[in-house]
Amino acid sequence: MNIRTSLTAAVILILTACVPLHAQNCCAPAVPQQGVLGETVALPHTLEIGLHYEYLRSEGMYGCCGSVDDPADTRTVWNRTTLTLAYGVIPKLSLSAIIPYVWKEKSMQPELAPTRTENSTDGVGDITMFIRYSPLGRSFVNYRELSLGFGVKIPTGATDRRNNNFLLPEELQPGTGSWDYNFSLSLYQGFEPVDFYLSSTWILTTEYDDYKFGNQFSYLFNSNLHLKEWLDVTGSLSGTVKAKDEEDGEANDHTGRHQLWLVPGVQVQVIPEALRLHAYLEYPVYQDFNGTQLGSDYNLRLTAVYLLPLQRSDE
């Protein structure tokens, strides 16, 4: 590290001492986003291969009641590509894996700093193994499904990334180092020309290296309108409630939030019964923060799902 770089880093640390070092971003724990987990049981003897790209942008500090001054002019961009694999073992049971690869960028430039300081990381995140079970049989005559899910997030992502010999904060690491647990409940009801589903997910986190990301509850209400055999327009309300993080057993008062997103989108069936594409724009319509945190501007999600029958399915 040269002298100029060292002095710049020291200036940044001094000038940003009043800014929370662990200001939680929307996706700091690197947990699967609602919708990436899958809301229904995979078709029996069929492998569902999903590729999801997410662009998540945050800029500007917020408190409980609106925007606040940010002396560090903080900005973040999270990019995440997720591979999902789901296989229907029997008509009521499927197994899946969620494998993320993340790029995280965070930049700051306090008023007296000569240049903008940027920190970035990338790498494989924490992999989640998931099982989904439907206690009710389903049919395409009256398509209805109630499903229960359980998942375990395995600490496969790195937690020791550094920049200029400084250990980056937990929110910038590809992984959390902790074993976390996912519980979900989903209800799907199909009609013509519209269908609906309700979904909720609870994520219970554990501690790693004296730091614990807050538990999380997510909820989703989605509706699809079938305009053509190959085209759907969708509308969703997606919410997330995150508890405060804990460090050395003490709550971090600048973490934890409740956000509600309006999510319009489209779905295109490119190959009948085989390949479909999705595009969604997530826009925050309600944000309630604890302390002072980065707000969220918008999220963009693009998805491709390919169905590969490995054996003839009765469905």
Protein backbone atom coordinates (compact mmCIF):
# COMPACT_ATOMS: atom_id res chain seq x y z
CA MET A 1 0.00 0.00 0.00
CA ASN A 2 1.58 3.35 -1.01
CA ILE A 3 1.56 6.48 1.18
CA ARG A 4 -1.13 8.28 -0.83
CA THR A 5 -3.46 5.29 -0.67
CA SER A 6 -2.86 4.96 3.09
CA LEU A 7 -3.57 8.64 3.70
CA THR A 8 -6.74 8.51 1.61
CA ALA A 9 -7.97 5.47 3.53
CA ALA A 10 -7.23 7.20 6.84
CA VAL A 11 -9.11 10.32 5.76
CA ILE A 12 -12.11 8.24 4.71
CA LEU A 13 -12.15 6.40 8.04
CA ILE A 14 -11.98 9.63 10.03
CA LEU A 15 -14.57 11.52 8.01
CA THR A 16 -17.03 8.66 7.98
CA ALA A 17 -16.76 7.82 11.66
CA CYS A 18 -20.23 9.23 12.16
CA VAL A 19 -21.69 7.02 9.41
CA PRO A 20 -22.87 3.53 10.45
CA LEU A 21 -20.28 1.00 9.28
CA HIS A 22 -22.84 -1.79 9.02
CA ALA A 23 -25.69 0.10 7.37
CA GLN A 24 -27.72 -2.82 6.07
CA ASN A 25 -28.39 -2.90 2.36
CA CYS A 26 -31.38 -4.68 0.85
CA CYS A 27 -29.47 -7.86 0.17
CA ALA A 28 -26.62 -7.86 2.64
CA PRO A 29 -27.26 -11.37 4.01
CA ALA A 30 -27.10 -12.82 0.46
CA VAL A 31 -30.27 -14.83 1.07
CA PRO A 32 -32.42 -16.00 -1.85
CA GLN A 33 -34.90 -13.33 -2.91
CA GLN A 34 -38.62 -14.04 -2.83
CA GLY A 35 -39.54 -15.65 -6.13
CA VAL A 36 -36.11 -17.20 -6.69
CA LEU A 37 -36.92 -20.01 -4.27
CA GLY A 38 -39.88 -21.14 -6.37
CA GLU A 39 -43.46 -21.04 -5.13
CA THR A 40 -44.77 -24.45 -6.28
CA VAL A 41 -43.60 -28.06 -6.30
CA ALA A 42 -41.62 -28.97 -9.43
CA LEU A 43 -43.36 -31.30 -11.89
CA PRO A 44 -42.62 -34.96 -11.18
CA HIS A 45 -39.58 -36.44 -12.94
CA THR A 46 -38.79 -33.01 -14.42
CA LEU A 47 -35.67 -30.93 -13.88
CA GLU A 48 -36.35 -27.19 -13.72
CA ILE A 49 -33.25 -25.17 -14.57
CA GLY A 50 -33.50 -21.48 -13.71
CA LEU A 51 -31.07 -18.65 -14.35
CA HIS A 52 -31.85 -15.41 -12.50
CA TYR A 53 -30.12 -12.05 -12.82
CA GLU A 54 -30.76 -9.31 -10.26
CA TYR A 55 -29.58 -5.70 -10.33
CA LEU A 56 -30.14 -3.90 -7.04
CA ARG A 57 -29.29 -0.23 -6.61
CA SER A 58 -29.20 1.88 -3.45
CA GLU A 59 -28.37 5.56 -3.09
CA GLY A 60 -29.09 8.09 -0.35
CA MET A 61 -29.51 7.73 3.40
CA TYR A 62 -32.90 7.40 5.07
CA GLY A 63 -34.21 7.43 8.60
CA CYS A 64 -37.54 6.39 10.00
CA CYS A 65 -39.40 9.30 8.41
CA GLY A 66 -37.66 10.00 5.12
CA SER A 67 -34.33 10.98 3.57
CA VAL A 68 -31.49 12.43 5.66
CA ASP A 69 -28.18 14.08 4.79
CA ASP A 70 -25.40 11.68 3.83
CA PRO A 71 -21.96 13.30 4.41
CA ALA A 72 -20.27 10.35 2.71
CA ASP A 73 -22.42 10.33 -0.48
CA THR A 74 -22.79 6.54 -0.22
CA ARG A 75 -23.86 4.43 -3.20
CA THR A 76 -24.13 0.69 -3.71
CA VAL A 77 -24.85 -1.64 -6.59
CA TRP A 78 -25.48 -5.32 -5.97
CA ASN A 79 -25.45 -7.71 -8.95
CA ARG A 80 -26.41 -11.32 -8.45
CA THR A 81 -26.70 -14.23 -10.86
CA THR A 82 -28.40 -17.28 -9.40
CA LEU A 83 -28.61 -20.79 -10.78
CA THR A 84 -31.58 -22.78 -9.47
CA LEU A 85 -32.13 -26.49 -9.95
CA ALA A 86 -35.38 -28.18 -8.91
CA TYR A 87 -36.42 -31.77 -9.45
CA GLY A 88 -39.85 -33.29 -8.86
CA VAL A 89 -39.18 -36.56 -7.05
CA ILE A 90 -42.87 -37.49 -6.78
CA PRO A 91 -46.03 -35.47 -7.58
CA LYS A 92 -46.06 -33.90 -4.11
CA LEU A 93 -42.34 -33.48 -3.39
CA SER A 94 -39.44 -31.66 -5.03
CA LEU A 95 -35.82 -30.93 -4.14
CA SER A 96 -33.92 -27.84 -5.21
CA ALA A 97 -30.60 -26.03 -4.97
CA ILE A 98 -30.02 -22.27 -5.15
CA ILE A 99 -26.47 -21.29 -6.17
CA PRO A 100 -25.72 -17.52 -6.28
CA TYR A 101 -22.78 -15.63 -7.72
CA VAL A 102 -22.59 -12.03 -6.50
CA TRP A 103 -20.87 -8.77 -7.45
CA LYS A 104 -21.05 -6.07 -4.78
CA GLU A 105 -19.88 -2.48 -5.15
CA LYS A 106 -19.99 0.28 -2.55
CA SER A 107 -18.51 3.75 -2.99
CA MET A 108 -18.19 6.77 -0.69
CA GLN A 109 -16.87 10.32 -1.05
CA PRO A 110 -17.08 12.59 2.01
CA GLU A 111 -16.98 16.33 1.33
CA LEU A 112 -13.28 16.75 2.22
CA ALA A 113 -12.07 13.54 0.59
CA PRO A 114 -9.98 14.07 -2.57
CA THR A 115 -11.41 11.08 -4.44
CA ARG A 116 -14.28 8.62 -4.29
CA THR A 117 -13.37 5.41 -2.47
CA GLU A 118 -14.74 2.21 -3.97
CA ASN A 119 -14.92 -1.24 -2.45
CA SER A 120 -16.02 -4.24 -4.47
CA THR A 121 -16.15 -8.01 -4.17
CA ASP A 122 -17.38 -10.92 -6.21
CA GLY A 123 -17.64 -14.65 -5.81
CA VAL A 124 -19.91 -17.60 -5.16
CA GLY A 125 -22.34 -16.79 -2.37
CA ASP A 126 -24.02 -19.09 0.13
CA ILE A 127 -25.76 -22.09 -1.44
CA THR A 128 -29.24 -23.05 -0.23
CA MET A 129 -30.65 -26.57 -0.38
CA PHE A 130 -34.45 -26.64 -0.38
CA ILE A 131 -37.25 -29.19 -0.12
CA ARG A 132 -40.87 -28.38 -1.01
CA TYR A 133 -43.90 -30.57 -0.22
CA SER A 134 -47.56 -30.24 -1.17
CA PRO A 135 -50.00 -32.01 1.21
CA LEU A 136 -52.82 -31.56 -1.33
CA GLY A 137 -53.02 -33.27 -4.70
CA ARG A 138 -53.26 -31.02 -7.75
CA SER A 139 -54.69 -31.23 -11.22
CA PHE A 140 -54.91 -28.94 -14.22
CA VAL A 141 -58.72 -29.05 -14.14
CA ASN A 142 -58.85 -26.95 -10.99
CA TYR A 143 -55.24 -25.99 -10.41
CA ARG A 144 -54.72 -25.37 -6.72
CA GLU A 145 -51.68 -26.08 -4.61
CA LEU A 146 -50.74 -25.56 -0.99
CA SER A 147 -47.04 -26.17 -0.41
CA LEU A 148 -44.62 -26.13 2.50
CA GLY A 149 -40.91 -25.57 2.14
CA PHE A 150 -37.78 -25.94 4.23
CA GLY A 151 -34.27 -24.89 3.28
CA VAL A 152 -30.79 -24.71 4.73
CA LYS A 153 -28.33 -22.00 3.65
CA ILE A 154 -24.81 -23.41 3.71
CA PRO A 155 -21.89 -21.00 4.39
CA THR A 156 -20.05 -21.56 1.10
CA GLY A 157 -19.36 -17.87 0.34
CA ALA A 158 -16.16 -16.10 1.36
CA THR A 159 -16.17 -13.94 4.50
CA ASP A 160 -12.56 -12.72 4.51
CA ARG A 161 -12.36 -10.40 1.48
CA ARG A 162 -10.12 -7.34 1.96
CA ASN A 163 -9.35 -4.07 0.22
CA ASN A 164 -5.98 -2.35 0.84
CA ASN A 165 -5.45 -4.83 3.69
CA PHE A 166 -8.66 -3.69 5.42
CA LEU A 167 -11.24 -6.42 6.09
CA LEU A 168 -14.43 -5.45 4.29
CA PRO A 169 -17.64 -5.21 6.37
CA GLU A 170 -20.05 -8.13 6.57
CA GLU A 171 -22.51 -6.64 4.08
CA LEU A 172 -19.87 -6.62 1.32
CA GLN A 173 -18.72 -10.20 1.77
CA PRO A 174 -20.04 -12.79 -0.73
CA GLY A 175 -21.20 -14.99 2.16
CA THR A 176 -22.27 -14.61 5.78
CA GLY A 177 -20.38 -17.54 7.33
CA SER A 178 -23.56 -18.67 9.09
CA TRP A 179 -25.93 -21.59 8.68
CA ASP A 180 -29.40 -20.11 8.14
CA TYR A 181 -32.80 -21.78 7.87
CA ASN A 182 -35.70 -21.06 5.51
CA PHE A 183 -39.36 -21.92 6.10
CA SER A 184 -42.01 -21.14 3.50
CA LEU A 185 -45.76 -21.48 2.97
CA SER A 186 -47.36 -20.89 -0.45
CA LEU A 187 -50.88 -21.08 -1.85
CA TYR A 188 -51.45 -21.12 -5.60
CA GLN A 189 -54.84 -20.89 -7.32
CA GLY A 190 -55.18 -21.05 -11.07
CA PHE A 191 -58.13 -19.79 -13.11
CA GLU A 192 -58.61 -18.63 -16.68
CA PRO A 193 -57.50 -16.09 -17.73
CA VAL A 194 -55.89 -15.16 -14.38
CA ASP A 195 -54.17 -16.95 -11.51
CA PHE A 196 -52.91 -15.93 -8.09
CA TYR A 197 -50.53 -17.02 -5.43
CA LEU A 198 -49.74 -16.00 -1.88
CA SER A 199 -46.38 -16.82 -0.40
CA SER A 200 -44.50 -16.19 2.83
CA THR A 201 -40.93 -17.04 3.82
CA TRP A 202 -39.24 -16.96 7.23
CA ILE A 203 -35.44 -16.90 7.42
CA LEU A 204 -33.85 -17.68 10.78
CA THR A 205 -30.19 -16.65 10.92
CA THR A 206 -27.35 -17.75 13.17
CA GLU A 207 -24.20 -16.03 14.40
CA TYR A 208 -20.79 -16.14 12.78
CA ASP A 209 -17.64 -14.45 14.10
CA ASP A 210 -19.69 -12.46 16.67
CA TYR A 211 -21.99 -11.04 13.98
CA LYS A 212 -25.57 -12.09 13.27
CA PHE A 213 -27.72 -10.75 10.45
CA GLY A 214 -31.30 -10.14 11.51
CA ASN A 215 -34.04 -12.70 10.97
CA GLN A 216 -36.22 -11.99 7.95
CA PHE A 217 -39.88 -12.41 7.01
CA SER A 218 -40.96 -11.97 3.38
CA TYR A 219 -44.44 -11.98 1.89
CA LEU A 220 -45.67 -11.93 -1.69
CA PHE A 221 -49.01 -11.54 -3.44
CA ASN A 222 -48.84 -12.17 -7.16
CA SER A 223 -51.34 -12.20 -10.01
CA ASN A 224 -50.79 -13.33 -13.62
CA LEU A 225 -53.09 -12.33 -16.46
CA HIS A 226 -52.88 -14.64 -19.50
CA LEU A 227 -53.15 -12.37 -22.54
CA LYS A 228 -52.11 -15.05 -25.02
CA GLU A 229 -50.95 -18.64 -24.84
CA TRP A 230 -47.39 -17.38 -24.86
CA LEU A 231 -47.72 -14.06 -22.98
CA ASP A 232 -48.61 -13.12 -19.38
CA VAL A 233 -48.52 -9.77 -17.64
CA THR A 234 -47.92 -9.91 -13.90
CA GLY A 235 -48.38 -7.66 -10.91
CA SER A 236 -47.09 -8.27 -7.41
CA LEU A 237 -46.77 -6.72 -3.99
CA SER A 238 -43.62 -8.00 -2.29
CA GLY A 239 -42.66 -7.10 1.26
CA THR A 240 -39.72 -7.80 3.54
CA VAL A 241 -39.39 -7.28 7.28
CA LYS A 242 -35.84 -7.58 8.64
CA ALA A 243 -34.91 -7.60 12.30
CA LYS A 244 -31.86 -5.73 13.59
CA ASP A 245 -28.42 -7.23 13.16
CA GLU A 246 -26.45 -8.12 16.27
CA GLU A 247 -22.73 -7.63 16.90
CA ASP A 248 -21.07 -9.04 20.03
CA GLY A 249 -24.56 -9.74 21.35
CA GLU A 250 -25.69 -6.11 21.01
CA ALA A 251 -28.33 -4.93 18.53
CA ASN A 252 -27.13 -2.64 15.74
CA ASP A 253 -29.64 0.23 15.80
CA HIS A 254 -28.84 1.17 12.19
CA THR A 255 -30.09 -2.12 10.74
CA GLY A 256 -33.53 -3.66 10.33
CA ARG A 257 -36.26 -2.37 8.07
CA HIS A 258 -39.67 -2.96 6.51
CA GLN A 259 -39.97 -2.50 2.75
CA LEU A 260 -42.88 -2.98 0.38
CA TRP A 261 -42.29 -3.26 -3.37
CA LEU A 262 -44.61 -2.86 -6.34
CA VAL A 263 -43.51 -5.40 -8.95
CA PRO A 264 -44.89 -5.23 -12.52
CA GLY A 265 -43.57 -7.74 -15.02
CA VAL A 266 -44.05 -9.91 -18.09
CA GLN A 267 -43.67 -13.62 -18.79
CA VAL A 268 -43.06 -15.01 -22.28
CA GLN A 269 -43.34 -18.71 -23.19
CA VAL A 270 -40.60 -19.00 -25.80
CA ILE A 271 -40.85 -22.78 -26.25
CA PRO A 272 -44.20 -24.33 -25.26
CA GLU A 273 -43.94 -26.35 -22.04
CA ALA A 274 -40.15 -25.94 -22.08
CA LEU A 275 -38.67 -22.43 -21.92
CA ARG A 276 -40.14 -19.27 -20.40
CA LEU A 277 -38.61 -15.85 -19.79
CA HIS A 278 -39.54 -13.36 -17.06
CA ALA A 279 -38.72 -9.68 -16.54
CA TYR A 280 -39.64 -7.75 -13.38
CA LEU A 281 -39.07 -4.23 -12.09
CA GLU A 282 -39.26 -3.79 -8.32
CA TYR A 283 -40.03 -0.28 -7.08
CA PRO A 284 -40.24 0.57 -3.36
CA VAL A 285 -43.59 2.09 -2.35
CA TYR A 286 -42.98 1.93 1.41
CA GLN A 287 -39.73 1.97 3.39
CA ASP A 288 -39.45 2.12 7.18
CA PHE A 289 -35.89 2.08 8.54
CA ASN A 290 -34.32 1.71 11.95
CA GLY A 291 -31.74 4.43 12.55
CA THR A 292 -29.93 5.67 9.45
CA GLN A 293 -29.53 3.36 6.46
CA LEU A 294 -29.11 3.27 2.72
CA GLY A 295 -32.41 3.41 0.90
CA SER A 296 -33.30 1.34 -2.15
CA ASP A 297 -33.91 2.94 -5.55
CA TYR A 298 -35.12 0.03 -7.63
CA ASN A 299 -34.38 -3.60 -8.46
CA LEU A 300 -34.39 -5.31 -11.85
CA ARG A 301 -34.80 -9.07 -12.19
CA LEU A 302 -34.51 -11.18 -15.35
CA THR A 303 -35.23 -14.91 -15.29
CA ALA A 304 -35.11 -17.84 -17.69
CA VAL A 305 -36.57 -21.23 -16.71
CA TYR A 306 -36.12 -24.39 -18.76
CA LEU A 307 -38.10 -27.59 -18.08
CA LEU A 308 -36.26 -30.81 -18.89
CA PRO A 309 -38.42 -33.96 -18.55
CA LEU A 310 -36.28 -36.87 -17.41
CA GLN A 311 -39.22 -39.27 -17.45
CA ARG A 312 -42.74 -39.00 -18.82
CA SER A 313 -44.90 -37.12 -16.30
CA ASP A 314 -48.60 -37.73 -15.71
CA GLU A 315 -48.97 -33.94 -15.34
